[in-house]
């Protein structure tokens, strides 16, 4: 009668602390250049070593330029952060995928973990990044942590955490053409609220999730944090095992079969007890776009903004109650991020772009989530499709998702973005405006010059 969450939690619990928190052993620790420098400095100040360097892996993603990646970077602070991570990894014996050597594996931390097979079912995973919940798509319990907690994991391989309740979210049915995983998670957040998941782990299931690929499940789990949940996961199944087989860090041969047998056992029991259950009919979901300043403020493309909509968000975004987001002119189109920067995301966008041109007033970027994604996309000729259409084809990195690099909005620009946050200033300009949507919807907006219903384009045959 146990959930995967409780099984994994109990298997990694070291002890109950006097505070009532659980000291939890962390199976995999992922670090990047932004939240780790101070943590390593704290270790030095105390004279501590990294407890299990073989369980820690590093990459560079947040501050990496995607257009010109030659070192040293023009941004002095970005270069200093890169140098610090490289020095720290050398000193403490931590594997690092940086630019240059090992370039084929450099990329966004939540993209390279699964693609390398580091992320596996039944693991506890921590990273100094809020979207670490992405890894739950493979049946792991993954936490985003702060810098002081990064220090704790480096020093002890443990975290002090409060236990969570578990909410089961079933999505049932078949998604209509033009409706994607991004639309599903935006709908979930809209219905349950951006604070609805506080104190919860979200377990996603139902026939819709069962039929999704791992890439799609990662999109769902990635944005769990946007709904307030600390953790989001999908129970491991045959789709999970097919994805992992043959990957660099996954078991091989008979060891993989033994691992898969255990992975099956850690899935939630059929009679597992949940603290709450929610059911959503996928036939009610249409292409979804945010209109406001948090991911819960969204509408289906055929809907109008509610009369009760938040005044602050309306004023900032320039919308009115009762208006439709469809038809909103955009200035920038961004396809990428840890939410939607994987190969399948680029393939869906390329279907829309093929034979069409980006509107003359739109700046459009495609930023693969990793160098491996970039290489695979180029092998399929996707870079040629995007470039011919007028998109800029970039190197791997977080790019315009959070603008800690040269990719930023300017002034009051409106960006159609496949990323995960539409907060004020998130994409680099204090007055810039972000509309979250699926990669296919971003592609449709880029060639139309405004927000449109991608389903209409799927019915057209481009010249």
Protein backbone atom coordinates (compact mmCIF):
# COMPACT_ATOMS: atom_id res chain seq x y z
CA UNK A 1 0.00 0.00 0.00
CA UNK A 2 2.99 2.27 -0.50
CA UNK A 3 3.81 4.92 -3.08
CA UNK A 4 7.11 5.12 -4.93
CA UNK A 5 7.83 8.29 -3.00
CA UNK A 6 7.57 6.56 0.37
CA UNK A 7 9.51 3.51 -0.79
CA UNK A 8 12.42 5.61 -2.07
CA UNK A 9 12.31 7.96 0.92
CA UNK A 10 12.41 5.08 3.41
CA UNK A 11 15.21 3.32 1.51
CA UNK A 12 17.39 6.44 1.73
CA UNK A 13 16.48 7.60 5.24
CA UNK A 14 19.50 7.63 7.56
CA UNK A 15 17.72 8.78 10.71
CA UNK A 16 15.07 11.13 12.04
CA UNK A 17 16.64 14.33 13.30
CA UNK A 18 15.60 16.11 16.54
CA UNK A 19 13.91 18.73 14.35
CA UNK A 20 11.60 16.04 12.97
CA UNK A 21 13.25 16.22 9.59
CA UNK A 22 14.68 13.15 7.88
CA UNK A 23 18.38 12.87 7.17
CA UNK A 24 18.18 11.57 3.61
CA UNK A 25 21.07 10.03 1.70
CA UNK A 26 21.46 11.50 -1.80
CA UNK A 27 22.31 8.97 -4.50
CA UNK A 28 23.22 11.49 -7.21
CA UNK A 29 24.34 15.10 -6.87
CA UNK A 30 24.38 17.34 -9.94
CA UNK A 31 26.10 20.72 -9.87
CA UNK A 32 26.54 23.64 -12.24
CA UNK A 33 28.46 26.89 -12.30
CA UNK A 34 25.93 29.21 -10.62
CA UNK A 35 24.97 27.71 -7.25
CA UNK A 36 28.16 25.76 -6.48
CA UNK A 37 31.06 28.28 -6.09
CA UNK A 38 29.95 29.51 -2.65
CA UNK A 39 29.28 25.92 -1.52
CA UNK A 40 32.83 24.86 -2.41
CA UNK A 41 34.19 27.95 -0.62
CA UNK A 42 32.28 26.91 2.50
CA UNK A 43 33.98 23.49 2.32
CA UNK A 44 37.40 25.14 2.16
CA UNK A 45 36.62 27.37 5.10
CA UNK A 46 35.81 24.32 7.22
CA UNK A 47 38.64 22.19 5.84
CA UNK A 48 36.15 19.58 4.60
CA UNK A 49 36.43 17.25 1.63
CA UNK A 50 33.70 16.05 -0.74
CA UNK A 51 32.35 12.89 0.85
CA UNK A 52 31.50 10.94 -2.32
CA UNK A 53 33.00 12.68 -5.38
CA UNK A 54 32.01 9.73 -7.54
CA UNK A 55 28.35 10.58 -6.87
CA UNK A 56 28.73 14.20 -7.99
CA UNK A 57 28.71 15.33 -11.63
CA UNK A 58 29.03 18.85 -12.98
CA UNK A 59 28.16 20.71 -16.17
CA UNK A 60 28.01 24.32 -17.35
CA UNK A 61 24.73 25.69 -18.62
CA UNK A 62 23.25 28.82 -17.01
CA UNK A 63 25.83 31.47 -17.95
CA UNK A 64 27.19 29.84 -21.11
CA UNK A 65 26.80 31.98 -24.25
CA UNK A 66 24.99 30.10 -27.00
CA UNK A 67 26.15 32.15 -29.99
CA UNK A 68 29.91 32.50 -29.48
CA UNK A 69 31.27 29.97 -27.01
CA UNK A 70 34.96 30.82 -27.32
CA UNK A 71 36.89 31.15 -24.06
CA UNK A 72 37.49 33.42 -22.30
CA UNK A 73 33.90 34.70 -22.33
CA UNK A 74 33.33 38.39 -22.94
CA UNK A 75 31.28 38.49 -19.73
CA UNK A 76 33.95 38.65 -17.02
CA UNK A 77 31.66 37.32 -14.28
CA UNK A 78 30.60 34.37 -16.44
CA UNK A 79 34.24 33.53 -17.14
CA UNK A 80 35.06 33.73 -13.44
CA UNK A 81 32.24 31.31 -12.64
CA UNK A 82 33.47 28.90 -15.31
CA UNK A 83 37.04 29.05 -13.99
CA UNK A 84 35.79 28.50 -10.43
CA UNK A 85 33.82 25.39 -11.36
CA UNK A 86 36.71 23.95 -13.34
CA UNK A 87 39.10 24.56 -10.43
CA UNK A 88 36.68 23.11 -7.88
CA UNK A 89 36.06 19.97 -9.91
CA UNK A 90 39.80 19.40 -10.39
CA UNK A 91 40.54 19.94 -6.70
CA UNK A 92 37.77 17.68 -5.41
CA UNK A 93 37.88 14.97 -8.09
CA UNK A 94 34.46 15.67 -9.62
CA UNK A 95 33.57 14.79 -13.21
CA UNK A 96 32.84 17.90 -15.29
CA UNK A 97 31.31 18.31 -18.73
CA UNK A 98 32.49 21.70 -19.87
CA UNK A 99 33.03 23.37 -23.21
CA UNK A 100 35.88 21.99 -25.29
CA UNK A 101 36.95 18.60 -23.96
CA UNK A 102 33.89 16.48 -23.32
CA UNK A 103 31.86 18.95 -25.34
CA UNK A 104 29.51 16.26 -26.64
CA UNK A 105 28.02 15.92 -23.16
CA UNK A 106 27.91 19.59 -22.14
CA UNK A 107 24.42 20.94 -21.74
CA UNK A 108 21.61 21.80 -19.38
CA UNK A 109 21.99 19.77 -16.21
CA UNK A 110 18.45 18.36 -16.40
CA UNK A 111 18.96 17.27 -20.01
CA UNK A 112 22.34 15.57 -19.71
CA UNK A 113 21.48 13.61 -16.54
CA UNK A 114 18.81 11.48 -18.22
CA UNK A 115 20.55 11.28 -21.61
CA UNK A 116 23.71 9.89 -19.96
CA UNK A 117 21.76 7.40 -17.86
CA UNK A 118 22.89 9.04 -14.63
CA UNK A 119 19.22 9.49 -13.71
CA UNK A 120 17.69 6.14 -12.78
CA UNK A 121 14.52 4.90 -11.05
CA UNK A 122 14.55 4.68 -7.27
CA UNK A 123 17.30 7.26 -6.84
CA UNK A 124 17.36 10.32 -4.66
CA UNK A 125 18.78 13.21 -6.70
CA UNK A 126 19.70 16.73 -5.64
CA UNK A 127 20.85 19.77 -7.60
CA UNK A 128 21.16 23.47 -6.86
CA UNK A 129 18.43 24.26 -9.35
CA UNK A 130 14.69 24.50 -8.79
CA UNK A 131 13.79 22.37 -11.82
CA UNK A 132 15.53 19.25 -10.54
CA UNK A 133 12.09 17.66 -10.36
CA UNK A 134 12.60 16.92 -14.09
CA UNK A 135 14.46 13.73 -13.18
CA UNK A 136 11.31 12.31 -11.61
CA UNK A 137 10.21 11.37 -15.12
CA UNK A 138 12.35 8.25 -14.72
CA UNK A 139 10.96 7.30 -11.34
CA UNK A 140 13.49 9.18 -9.20
CA UNK A 141 12.80 11.47 -6.24
CA UNK A 142 14.61 14.66 -7.20
CA UNK A 143 14.94 17.86 -5.18
CA UNK A 144 16.02 21.36 -6.09
CA UNK A 145 18.20 22.74 -3.28
CA UNK A 146 19.88 25.99 -2.23
CA UNK A 147 23.57 26.76 -2.00
CA UNK A 148 23.92 25.89 1.70
CA UNK A 149 22.30 22.53 0.95
CA UNK A 150 24.71 22.03 -1.96
CA UNK A 151 27.44 22.40 0.67
CA UNK A 152 25.71 19.84 2.89
CA UNK A 153 25.49 17.26 0.11
CA UNK A 154 29.10 17.81 -0.93
CA UNK A 155 30.26 17.38 2.67
CA UNK A 156 27.99 14.55 3.83
CA UNK A 157 26.02 13.23 0.82
CA UNK A 158 22.91 13.89 2.90
CA UNK A 159 20.11 16.41 3.20
CA UNK A 160 17.84 17.32 6.10
CA UNK A 161 14.33 17.36 4.63
CA UNK A 162 10.75 17.54 5.81
CA UNK A 163 8.56 14.61 4.74
CA UNK A 164 6.01 15.32 2.02
CA UNK A 165 2.45 14.30 1.35
CA UNK A 166 1.70 12.67 -2.00
CA UNK A 167 -0.92 13.81 -4.48
CA UNK A 168 -1.76 11.49 -7.35
CA UNK A 169 -2.67 13.33 -10.57
CA UNK A 170 -4.27 11.13 -13.21
CA UNK A 171 -4.56 12.45 -16.76
CA UNK A 172 -6.65 10.14 -18.90
CA UNK A 173 -7.41 9.97 -22.60
CA UNK A 174 -5.62 10.73 -25.86
CA UNK A 175 -4.20 14.18 -26.53
CA UNK A 176 -5.54 15.79 -29.70
CA UNK A 177 -3.09 16.70 -32.49
CA UNK A 178 -1.38 19.98 -31.62
CA UNK A 179 -1.71 19.39 -27.88
CA UNK A 180 1.49 18.47 -26.09
CA UNK A 181 2.93 17.68 -22.66
CA UNK A 182 3.55 21.39 -22.10
CA UNK A 183 -0.16 22.05 -22.47
CA UNK A 184 -0.89 19.28 -19.96
CA UNK A 185 1.35 20.66 -17.24
CA UNK A 186 0.22 24.25 -17.81
CA UNK A 187 -3.36 23.02 -17.44
CA UNK A 188 -2.52 21.15 -14.22
CA UNK A 189 -0.86 24.24 -12.72
CA UNK A 190 -3.75 26.44 -13.79
CA UNK A 191 -6.30 24.15 -12.15
CA UNK A 192 -4.42 23.39 -8.92
CA UNK A 193 -2.66 26.75 -8.55
CA UNK A 194 0.95 27.84 -8.24
CA UNK A 195 0.77 27.14 -4.48
CA UNK A 196 -1.43 24.08 -4.75
CA UNK A 197 1.44 21.65 -4.43
CA UNK A 198 3.14 23.15 -1.39
CA UNK A 199 4.01 20.31 0.98
CA UNK A 200 3.34 17.69 -1.69
CA UNK A 201 5.11 15.36 -4.04
CA UNK A 202 3.14 15.00 -7.27
CA UNK A 203 2.78 11.51 -8.71
CA UNK A 204 1.63 11.72 -12.34
CA UNK A 205 -0.22 8.85 -13.94
CA UNK A 206 -3.24 7.85 -15.97
CA UNK A 207 -3.54 6.62 -19.54
CA UNK A 208 -2.21 9.88 -21.01
CA UNK A 209 1.01 9.70 -19.00
CA UNK A 210 1.30 5.97 -19.63
CA UNK A 211 1.47 6.62 -23.38
CA UNK A 212 3.96 9.50 -23.12
CA UNK A 213 7.64 9.24 -24.00
CA UNK A 214 10.29 9.98 -21.39
CA UNK A 215 10.89 13.35 -23.06
CA UNK A 216 7.23 14.24 -22.56
CA UNK A 217 7.24 13.01 -18.98
CA UNK A 218 10.29 15.18 -18.29
CA UNK A 219 8.36 18.23 -19.48
CA UNK A 220 5.56 17.38 -17.04
CA UNK A 221 7.85 16.72 -14.07
CA UNK A 222 10.05 19.73 -14.85
CA UNK A 223 7.29 22.22 -14.05
CA UNK A 224 6.09 20.53 -10.85
CA UNK A 225 7.90 23.22 -8.91
CA UNK A 226 5.83 25.85 -10.75
CA UNK A 227 2.77 24.33 -9.12
CA UNK A 228 4.37 24.50 -5.67
CA UNK A 229 5.28 20.81 -5.46
CA UNK A 230 8.78 19.92 -4.23
CA UNK A 231 8.86 16.71 -6.23
CA UNK A 232 7.15 15.35 -9.34
CA UNK A 233 7.53 11.83 -10.67
CA UNK A 234 6.14 9.11 -12.93
CA UNK A 235 6.33 5.47 -11.97
CA UNK A 236 8.96 3.52 -13.96
CA UNK A 237 7.63 1.21 -16.65
CA UNK A 238 8.75 -0.45 -19.89
CA UNK A 239 9.06 2.98 -21.53
CA UNK A 240 11.55 3.92 -18.80
CA UNK A 241 13.57 0.75 -19.25
CA UNK A 242 13.76 1.12 -23.04
CA UNK A 243 14.97 4.69 -22.60
CA UNK A 244 17.74 3.71 -20.18
CA UNK A 245 19.05 0.57 -21.83
CA UNK A 246 22.44 1.18 -23.44
CA UNK A 247 23.06 4.61 -21.92
CA UNK A 248 26.55 5.43 -20.66
CA UNK A 249 25.97 5.20 -16.92
CA UNK A 250 23.09 2.70 -16.93
CA UNK A 251 23.78 -0.92 -15.98
CA UNK A 252 24.46 -3.26 -18.87
CA UNK A 253 23.78 -6.90 -19.67
CA UNK A 254 22.51 -9.05 -16.82
CA UNK A 255 23.03 -6.17 -14.40
CA UNK A 256 20.46 -4.12 -16.31
CA UNK A 257 17.91 -6.92 -16.07
CA UNK A 258 18.46 -7.19 -12.32
CA UNK A 259 18.13 -3.43 -11.96
CA UNK A 260 14.91 -3.39 -14.02
CA UNK A 261 13.42 -6.06 -11.77
CA UNK A 262 14.07 -3.86 -8.74
CA UNK A 263 12.84 -0.74 -10.56
CA UNK A 264 9.51 -2.48 -11.16
CA UNK A 265 9.17 -3.20 -7.45
CA UNK A 266 9.70 0.41 -6.36
CA UNK A 267 6.76 1.65 -8.43
CA UNK A 268 3.71 2.61 -6.39
CA UNK A 269 1.58 -0.34 -5.32
CA UNK A 270 -1.80 -0.75 -7.02
CA UNK A 271 -3.48 -0.13 -3.66
CA UNK A 272 -1.14 2.69 -2.59
CA UNK A 273 -2.68 5.32 -0.34
CA UNK A 274 -2.48 8.98 -1.38
CA UNK A 275 -3.13 12.15 0.58
CA UNK A 276 -5.08 13.55 -2.35
CA UNK A 277 -6.16 12.53 -5.85
CA UNK A 278 -6.99 14.62 -8.90
CA UNK A 279 -8.27 13.44 -12.28
CA UNK A 280 -8.10 15.40 -15.53
CA UNK A 281 -9.69 14.48 -18.85
CA UNK A 282 -7.12 15.12 -21.60
CA UNK A 283 -9.89 15.81 -24.13
CA UNK A 284 -10.52 19.06 -22.25
CA UNK A 285 -6.97 20.30 -22.90
CA UNK A 286 -6.17 22.55 -25.85
CA UNK A 287 -2.98 24.43 -26.80
CA UNK A 288 -2.33 26.58 -23.75
CA UNK A 289 -0.61 29.97 -23.40
CA UNK A 290 0.18 32.05 -20.33
CA UNK A 291 -1.14 35.60 -20.24
CA UNK A 292 0.19 36.68 -16.86
CA UNK A 293 3.27 36.76 -14.65
CA UNK A 294 3.24 33.25 -13.21
CA UNK A 295 2.74 29.88 -14.93
CA UNK A 296 -0.73 29.43 -13.41
CA UNK A 297 -2.08 32.42 -15.28
CA UNK A 298 -2.91 30.78 -18.59
CA UNK A 299 -5.74 30.12 -21.01
CA UNK A 300 -6.53 27.67 -23.75
CA UNK A 301 -5.88 29.26 -27.13
CA UNK A 302 -9.64 29.44 -27.77
CA UNK A 303 -10.45 31.03 -24.41
CA UNK A 304 -10.60 34.59 -23.18
CA UNK A 305 -8.89 35.98 -20.08
CA UNK A 306 -11.29 35.73 -17.16
CA UNK A 307 -13.10 38.74 -15.74
CA UNK A 308 -11.54 37.89 -12.37
CA UNK A 309 -7.98 38.02 -13.71
CA UNK A 310 -5.26 39.56 -11.54
CA UNK A 311 -4.95 43.32 -12.05
CA UNK A 312 -1.18 43.45 -11.52
CA UNK A 313 -0.61 40.79 -14.18
CA UNK A 314 -2.98 42.43 -16.65
CA UNK A 315 -1.34 45.83 -16.24
CA UNK A 316 2.18 44.48 -16.60
CA UNK A 317 1.37 42.33 -19.63
CA UNK A 318 -0.87 44.88 -21.31
CA UNK A 319 -3.93 42.61 -21.55
CA UNK A 320 -7.53 43.35 -20.70
CA UNK A 321 -10.16 41.18 -19.08
CA UNK A 322 -12.14 39.28 -21.68
CA UNK A 323 -9.34 39.56 -24.26
CA UNK A 324 -7.84 36.63 -26.14
CA UNK A 325 -4.11 35.94 -26.14
CA UNK A 326 -4.46 34.63 -29.67
CA UNK A 327 -3.42 37.38 -32.06
CA UNK A 328 -0.89 38.96 -29.68
CA UNK A 329 2.08 40.28 -31.66
CA UNK A 330 5.45 38.85 -30.59
CA UNK A 331 8.98 40.18 -30.96
CA UNK A 332 11.04 37.13 -29.98
CA UNK A 333 10.53 33.37 -30.27
CA UNK A 334 12.60 31.07 -28.06
CA UNK A 335 12.71 27.28 -28.40
CA UNK A 336 14.84 25.59 -25.75
CA UNK A 337 15.32 25.22 -21.95
CA UNK A 338 15.30 22.22 -19.60
CA UNK A 339 11.53 22.07 -20.14
CA UNK A 340 11.49 21.79 -23.91
CA UNK A 341 15.02 21.63 -25.32
CA UNK A 342 15.18 17.94 -26.17
CA UNK A 343 15.31 16.35 -29.61
CA UNK A 344 11.61 15.53 -29.78
CA UNK A 345 10.77 19.15 -28.94
CA UNK A 346 12.89 20.37 -31.83
CA UNK A 347 11.33 17.81 -34.15
CA UNK A 348 7.80 18.99 -33.35
CA UNK A 349 8.79 22.61 -33.91
CA UNK A 350 10.54 21.75 -37.18
CA UNK A 351 7.33 20.20 -38.51
CA UNK A 352 5.70 23.62 -38.23
CA UNK A 353 8.69 25.58 -39.53
CA UNK A 354 9.41 23.46 -42.61
CA UNK A 355 8.62 25.40 -45.79
CA UNK A 356 7.78 28.58 -43.89
CA UNK A 357 9.63 31.76 -42.93
CA UNK A 358 9.97 33.59 -39.60
CA UNK A 359 8.02 36.87 -39.66
CA UNK A 360 10.26 39.81 -40.57
CA UNK A 361 9.87 41.55 -37.21
CA UNK A 362 10.60 38.45 -35.08
CA UNK A 363 13.96 37.34 -33.69
CA UNK A 364 13.85 33.55 -33.39
CA UNK A 365 16.27 31.25 -31.57
CA UNK A 366 16.58 27.48 -31.29
CA UNK A 367 18.85 26.39 -28.44
CA UNK A 368 19.32 22.61 -28.01
CA UNK A 369 19.36 21.40 -24.43
CA UNK A 370 22.70 19.65 -24.85
CA UNK A 371 25.46 19.21 -27.37
CA UNK A 372 24.25 15.64 -27.86
CA UNK A 373 20.78 16.95 -28.73
CA UNK A 374 22.40 19.44 -31.12
CA UNK A 375 24.41 16.69 -32.81
CA UNK A 376 21.37 14.42 -33.14
CA UNK A 377 19.26 17.26 -34.53
CA UNK A 378 21.90 18.13 -37.10
CA UNK A 379 22.11 14.49 -38.15
CA UNK A 380 18.40 14.74 -38.96
CA UNK A 381 18.87 18.03 -40.81
CA UNK A 382 16.79 20.03 -38.35
CA UNK A 383 19.35 22.83 -38.20
CA UNK A 384 18.93 23.35 -41.94
CA UNK A 385 15.14 23.54 -41.62
CA UNK A 386 15.36 26.12 -38.83
CA UNK A 387 18.12 28.16 -40.45
CA UNK A 388 16.37 28.25 -43.83
CA UNK A 389 13.25 29.52 -42.08
CA UNK A 390 15.18 32.34 -40.37
CA UNK A 391 15.83 30.91 -36.92
CA UNK A 392 19.25 31.26 -35.28
CA UNK A 393 20.72 27.82 -34.57
CA UNK A 394 22.71 27.99 -31.33
CA UNK A 395 24.97 25.97 -29.04
CA UNK A 396 23.66 24.25 -25.92
CA UNK A 397 22.76 26.18 -22.77
CA UNK A 398 19.98 27.65 -20.68
CA UNK A 399 19.92 30.71 -22.95
CA UNK A 400 16.85 32.93 -22.77
CA UNK A 401 15.06 30.85 -20.16
CA UNK A 402 16.62 32.94 -17.40
CA UNK A 403 18.97 35.34 -19.26
CA UNK A 404 22.07 34.84 -17.09
CA UNK A 405 23.92 35.03 -20.41
CA UNK A 406 23.82 37.31 -23.48
CA UNK A 407 20.40 36.02 -24.62
CA UNK A 408 17.99 38.58 -23.17
CA UNK A 409 14.81 40.47 -23.96
CA UNK A 410 15.05 44.21 -24.50
CA UNK A 411 12.56 46.75 -23.21
CA UNK A 412 8.91 45.74 -23.53
CA UNK A 413 9.53 42.95 -26.02
CA UNK A 414 7.05 40.06 -26.04
CA UNK A 415 8.58 36.58 -26.19
CA UNK A 416 6.84 33.36 -27.18
CA UNK A 417 8.87 30.93 -25.07
CA UNK A 418 9.00 27.18 -24.54
CA UNK A 419 10.64 27.71 -21.14
CA UNK A 420 9.10 27.33 -17.68
CA UNK A 421 8.77 30.76 -16.03
CA UNK A 422 7.08 33.99 -17.05
CA UNK A 423 8.00 36.03 -13.97
CA UNK A 424 8.72 39.73 -14.30
CA UNK A 425 12.31 40.18 -15.47
CA UNK A 426 12.88 36.45 -15.93
CA UNK A 427 14.16 36.81 -19.50
CA UNK A 428 16.52 39.68 -18.84
CA UNK A 429 14.44 42.84 -19.17
CA UNK A 430 12.52 44.23 -16.16
CA UNK A 431 9.68 45.14 -18.50
CA UNK A 432 9.93 42.24 -20.95
CA UNK A 433 6.87 40.01 -21.32
CA UNK A 434 6.90 36.23 -21.59
CA UNK A 435 4.20 33.97 -23.02
CA UNK A 436 4.82 30.31 -22.16
CA UNK A 437 3.69 27.67 -24.66
CA UNK A 438 4.79 24.44 -26.35
CA UNK A 439 7.69 24.41 -28.86
CA UNK A 440 5.22 23.83 -31.70
CA UNK A 441 3.19 26.85 -30.59
CA UNK A 442 6.39 28.94 -30.41
CA UNK A 443 7.27 27.88 -33.94
CA UNK A 444 3.78 28.80 -35.13
CA UNK A 445 4.03 32.21 -33.46
CA UNK A 446 7.46 32.81 -34.97
CA UNK A 447 6.31 32.32 -38.54
CA UNK A 448 3.00 34.11 -37.99
CA UNK A 449 4.47 37.02 -36.04
CA UNK A 450 1.73 36.60 -33.44
CA UNK A 451 0.22 33.97 -31.16
CA UNK A 452 -1.83 31.53 -33.23
CA UNK A 453 -3.47 28.14 -32.81
CA UNK A 454 -0.88 25.64 -34.04
CA UNK A 455 -3.65 23.19 -34.93
CA UNK A 456 -4.55 25.34 -37.94
CA UNK A 457 -0.99 25.04 -39.25
CA UNK A 458 -1.01 21.28 -38.81
CA UNK A 459 -3.90 21.20 -41.25
CA UNK A 460 -2.09 23.31 -43.84
CA UNK A 461 0.48 22.13 -46.33
CA UNK A 462 3.28 24.74 -46.57
CA UNK A 463 4.41 25.79 -50.03
